[in-house]
N, C-alpha and C. Protein backbone atom coordinates (compact mmCIF):
# COMPACT_ATOMS: atom_id res chain seq x y z
N UNK A 1 -93.21 26.26 -35.12
CA UNK A 1 -92.81 25.50 -33.68
C UNK A 1 -92.83 26.58 -32.77
N UNK A 2 -92.82 26.15 -31.73
CA UNK A 2 -92.73 27.20 -30.76
C UNK A 2 -90.96 27.04 -30.55
N UNK A 3 -90.81 28.53 -29.75
CA UNK A 3 -89.69 28.84 -29.75
C UNK A 3 -89.28 28.67 -27.72
N UNK A 4 -90.42 28.44 -27.43
CA UNK A 4 -90.42 28.53 -25.91
C UNK A 4 -91.14 27.47 -25.31
N UNK A 5 -90.45 26.61 -24.49
CA UNK A 5 -91.24 25.48 -23.82
C UNK A 5 -91.04 25.57 -22.42
N UNK A 6 -92.06 25.23 -21.42
CA UNK A 6 -92.24 25.57 -19.84
C UNK A 6 -91.65 23.60 -19.69
N UNK A 7 -90.64 23.67 -18.56
CA UNK A 7 -90.22 22.48 -18.32
C UNK A 7 -90.28 21.81 -16.91
N UNK A 8 -90.65 23.32 -15.55
CA UNK A 8 -90.88 23.22 -14.31
C UNK A 8 -91.37 24.09 -13.94
N UNK A 9 -91.80 23.56 -12.53
CA UNK A 9 -92.70 24.58 -11.92
C UNK A 9 -91.70 25.16 -10.67
N UNK A 10 -91.79 26.59 -10.30
CA UNK A 10 -90.87 26.93 -9.28
C UNK A 10 -91.72 26.68 -7.97
N UNK A 11 -90.99 26.63 -7.13
CA UNK A 11 -92.11 26.99 -5.32
C UNK A 11 -93.34 27.64 -5.53
N UNK A 12 -93.30 29.01 -6.24
CA UNK A 12 -94.69 29.50 -6.10
C UNK A 12 -95.66 28.97 -7.29
N UNK A 13 -95.14 28.31 -7.63
CA UNK A 13 -95.91 27.35 -9.02
C UNK A 13 -96.05 28.23 -9.84
N UNK A 14 -94.83 28.66 -10.40
CA UNK A 14 -94.84 29.37 -11.92
C UNK A 14 -93.87 28.49 -12.65
N UNK A 15 -94.37 28.80 -13.79
CA UNK A 15 -93.43 28.07 -15.09
C UNK A 15 -92.33 28.74 -15.57
N UNK A 16 -91.22 27.54 -15.39
CA UNK A 16 -89.64 28.04 -16.19
C UNK A 16 -89.63 27.57 -17.22
N UNK A 17 -89.49 29.08 -17.95
CA UNK A 17 -89.03 28.49 -19.73
C UNK A 17 -87.73 28.24 -20.09
N UNK A 18 -87.55 27.93 -20.98
CA UNK A 18 -86.51 27.60 -22.09
C UNK A 18 -86.91 27.88 -23.27
N UNK A 19 -85.97 29.07 -23.92
CA UNK A 19 -86.31 29.49 -25.31
C UNK A 19 -85.14 28.68 -25.85
N UNK A 20 -85.65 28.15 -27.18
CA UNK A 20 -84.72 27.68 -28.14
C UNK A 20 -84.30 28.53 -29.40
N UNK A 21 -83.35 28.57 -29.82
CA UNK A 21 -83.02 28.71 -31.42
C UNK A 21 -83.51 27.74 -32.16
N UNK A 22 -84.20 28.48 -33.24
CA UNK A 22 -84.70 27.31 -34.20
C UNK A 22 -83.76 27.31 -35.43
N UNK A 23 -83.32 26.47 -35.95
CA UNK A 23 -82.47 26.33 -37.18
C UNK A 23 -83.30 25.67 -38.32
N UNK A 24 -83.86 26.28 -39.22
CA UNK A 24 -84.47 25.93 -40.35
C UNK A 24 -83.31 25.53 -41.09
N UNK A 25 -83.42 24.54 -42.12
CA UNK A 25 -82.50 24.24 -42.81
C UNK A 25 -83.24 24.18 -44.32
N UNK A 26 -82.84 24.89 -45.43
CA UNK A 26 -83.73 24.88 -46.45
C UNK A 26 -83.51 23.74 -47.28
N UNK A 27 -84.57 23.08 -47.68
CA UNK A 27 -84.59 21.63 -48.21
C UNK A 27 -83.82 21.81 -49.65
N UNK A 28 -83.98 22.80 -50.55
CA UNK A 28 -83.25 23.22 -51.32
C UNK A 28 -81.67 23.21 -51.39
N UNK A 29 -81.03 24.07 -50.38
CA UNK A 29 -79.66 24.44 -50.09
C UNK A 29 -79.37 23.13 -49.85
N UNK A 30 -79.95 21.94 -49.36
CA UNK A 30 -79.42 20.73 -48.90
C UNK A 30 -78.95 19.87 -49.94
N UNK A 31 -80.20 19.69 -50.95
CA UNK A 31 -79.75 19.31 -52.33
C UNK A 31 -78.79 19.95 -53.10
N UNK A 32 -78.36 21.20 -52.83
CA UNK A 32 -77.31 21.61 -53.73
C UNK A 32 -76.01 21.19 -52.82
N UNK A 33 -75.98 21.19 -51.71
CA UNK A 33 -74.84 20.72 -51.01
C UNK A 33 -74.56 18.72 -51.58
N UNK A 34 -75.46 18.40 -51.82
CA UNK A 34 -75.40 16.84 -52.07
C UNK A 34 -75.08 17.06 -53.74
N UNK A 35 -75.34 18.04 -54.29
CA UNK A 35 -74.97 18.00 -56.18
C UNK A 35 -73.61 18.16 -55.80
N UNK A 36 -73.14 19.10 -55.19
CA UNK A 36 -72.06 19.90 -54.98
C UNK A 36 -70.82 18.64 -54.88
N UNK A 37 -71.08 18.12 -53.92
CA UNK A 37 -70.25 17.11 -53.27
C UNK A 37 -70.28 15.75 -54.02
N UNK A 38 -71.11 15.68 -55.19
CA UNK A 38 -70.83 14.60 -56.07
C UNK A 38 -70.41 15.20 -57.39
N UNK A 39 -70.61 16.06 -57.70
CA UNK A 39 -69.50 17.14 -58.42
C UNK A 39 -68.50 16.85 -58.29
N UNK A 40 -67.60 17.25 -57.04
CA UNK A 40 -66.43 17.04 -56.22
C UNK A 40 -65.73 15.86 -56.26
N UNK A 41 -66.87 14.72 -56.20
CA UNK A 41 -66.05 13.05 -55.86
C UNK A 41 -65.83 13.04 -57.46
N UNK A 42 -66.49 13.45 -58.46
CA UNK A 42 -66.78 13.40 -59.98
C UNK A 42 -65.29 13.53 -60.57
N UNK A 43 -64.78 14.89 -60.17
CA UNK A 43 -63.85 15.77 -60.75
C UNK A 43 -62.27 14.75 -59.96
N UNK A 44 -62.73 14.11 -58.47
CA UNK A 44 -61.76 13.33 -58.21
C UNK A 44 -61.19 12.37 -58.62
N UNK A 45 -62.40 11.85 -58.91
CA UNK A 45 -62.60 10.32 -59.65
C UNK A 45 -61.70 10.24 -61.04
N UNK A 46 -62.29 11.56 -61.33
CA UNK A 46 -61.36 11.70 -62.55
C UNK A 46 -60.11 11.93 -62.55
N UNK A 47 -59.38 12.42 -61.18
CA UNK A 47 -57.76 12.86 -61.52
C UNK A 47 -57.52 11.60 -61.34
N UNK A 48 -57.99 10.82 -60.26
CA UNK A 48 -57.21 9.19 -60.22
C UNK A 48 -56.98 8.39 -61.22
N UNK A 49 -58.35 8.67 -62.28
CA UNK A 49 -57.87 7.96 -63.52
C UNK A 49 -57.34 8.50 -64.51
N UNK A 50 -56.99 9.36 -64.55
CA UNK A 50 -55.93 9.98 -65.13
C UNK A 50 -54.78 9.52 -64.92
N UNK A 51 -54.34 9.60 -63.56
CA UNK A 51 -52.98 9.59 -62.75
C UNK A 51 -52.69 7.87 -62.87
N UNK A 52 -53.67 7.11 -62.86
CA UNK A 52 -53.55 5.30 -63.15
C UNK A 52 -53.11 5.55 -64.71
N UNK A 53 -53.69 6.29 -65.64
CA UNK A 53 -53.44 6.19 -66.79
C UNK A 53 -52.24 6.55 -67.17
N UNK A 54 -51.48 7.57 -66.54
CA UNK A 54 -50.31 7.58 -66.79
C UNK A 54 -49.02 6.64 -66.26
N UNK A 55 -49.85 6.04 -64.72
CA UNK A 55 -48.72 5.22 -64.17
C UNK A 55 -48.99 3.93 -65.27
N UNK A 56 -49.90 3.64 -65.67
CA UNK A 56 -49.84 2.34 -66.58
C UNK A 56 -48.70 2.30 -67.85
N UNK A 57 -49.03 3.77 -68.22
CA UNK A 57 -48.22 4.34 -69.64
C UNK A 57 -46.53 4.66 -69.22
N UNK A 58 -46.65 4.24 -67.77
CA UNK A 58 -45.19 4.59 -67.57
C UNK A 58 -44.60 6.07 -67.57
N UNK A 59 -45.51 7.09 -67.55
CA UNK A 59 -44.99 8.63 -67.40
C UNK A 59 -44.55 8.81 -66.43
N UNK A 60 -45.30 8.17 -64.84
CA UNK A 60 -45.04 8.44 -63.51
C UNK A 60 -44.45 7.50 -63.24
N UNK A 61 -43.83 7.06 -61.88
CA UNK A 61 -43.09 6.34 -61.29
C UNK A 61 -44.43 5.45 -60.20
N UNK A 62 -44.26 4.39 -59.89
CA UNK A 62 -45.26 3.94 -58.53
C UNK A 62 -45.50 4.80 -57.37
N UNK A 63 -43.90 5.19 -57.11
CA UNK A 63 -44.22 6.67 -55.66
C UNK A 63 -44.49 7.53 -56.14
N UNK A 64 -44.31 7.86 -57.28
CA UNK A 64 -44.97 9.32 -57.71
C UNK A 64 -46.33 8.95 -57.54
N UNK A 65 -46.70 8.25 -57.93
CA UNK A 65 -48.38 7.86 -58.23
C UNK A 65 -48.95 7.67 -56.81
N UNK A 66 -48.33 7.10 -55.76
CA UNK A 66 -49.01 6.96 -54.94
C UNK A 66 -48.97 8.13 -53.85
N UNK A 67 -47.99 8.96 -54.21
CA UNK A 67 -47.64 10.45 -53.35
C UNK A 67 -49.09 11.03 -53.75
N UNK A 68 -49.32 10.89 -55.22
CA UNK A 68 -50.44 11.72 -55.81
C UNK A 68 -51.79 11.28 -55.58
N UNK A 69 -51.88 10.06 -55.47
CA UNK A 69 -53.31 9.48 -55.27
C UNK A 69 -53.74 9.38 -53.94
N UNK A 70 -53.11 9.08 -52.76
CA UNK A 70 -53.02 9.05 -51.65
C UNK A 70 -54.19 10.18 -51.38
N UNK A 71 -53.65 11.23 -51.15
CA UNK A 71 -54.28 12.65 -50.57
C UNK A 71 -55.75 12.87 -51.59
N UNK A 72 -56.05 12.51 -52.85
CA UNK A 72 -57.32 12.13 -53.56
C UNK A 72 -58.27 10.97 -52.77
N UNK A 73 -57.32 10.01 -52.34
CA UNK A 73 -58.39 8.82 -52.33
C UNK A 73 -58.97 9.53 -50.40
N UNK A 74 -58.03 10.18 -49.83
CA UNK A 74 -58.62 10.40 -48.35
C UNK A 74 -59.54 11.68 -48.68
N UNK A 75 -59.47 12.50 -49.56
CA UNK A 75 -60.49 13.64 -50.02
C UNK A 75 -61.78 12.80 -50.29
N UNK A 76 -61.86 11.49 -50.94
CA UNK A 76 -62.73 10.71 -51.35
C UNK A 76 -63.30 10.53 -50.47
N UNK A 77 -62.69 9.80 -49.37
CA UNK A 77 -63.40 8.96 -48.03
C UNK A 77 -63.89 10.18 -47.35
N UNK A 78 -63.41 11.36 -47.15
CA UNK A 78 -64.03 12.26 -46.61
C UNK A 78 -65.50 13.08 -46.71
N UNK A 79 -65.69 12.82 -48.30
CA UNK A 79 -66.82 12.92 -48.98
C UNK A 79 -67.53 12.01 -48.61
N UNK A 80 -67.14 10.32 -48.96
CA UNK A 80 -68.20 9.83 -48.79
C UNK A 80 -68.79 9.51 -46.92
N UNK A 81 -67.75 10.04 -46.32
CA UNK A 81 -68.23 9.81 -44.78
C UNK A 81 -69.08 10.82 -44.69
N UNK A 82 -69.23 12.29 -44.83
CA UNK A 82 -70.30 13.30 -44.66
C UNK A 82 -71.05 12.98 -45.48
N UNK A 83 -71.53 12.29 -46.57
CA UNK A 83 -72.71 12.16 -47.73
C UNK A 83 -73.48 10.94 -46.62
N UNK A 84 -72.66 10.10 -46.18
CA UNK A 84 -73.52 9.03 -45.16
C UNK A 84 -74.28 9.67 -43.81
N UNK A 85 -73.45 10.67 -43.59
CA UNK A 85 -73.85 11.28 -42.20
C UNK A 85 -75.18 12.02 -42.19
N UNK A 86 -75.38 12.76 -43.54
CA UNK A 86 -76.55 13.22 -43.82
C UNK A 86 -77.35 12.70 -44.42
């Protein structure tokens, strides 16, 4: 791809140019990011399942369960939103 494009003429009929910075995204790195997000999502879901099991067995109260699970659920939502944007 070109780094420079002309977009207009001056009154002397010279071309005006604008130079763009090209950002190349390595496809392999992109897939690595997706994989890491998936792994993180899996770990967070595992934590949620463990907390749910502890709550069901009455090891923790409902209030404690909610206090611990709300931040995890918010992290999962953020990861899901990022994945949908990409």
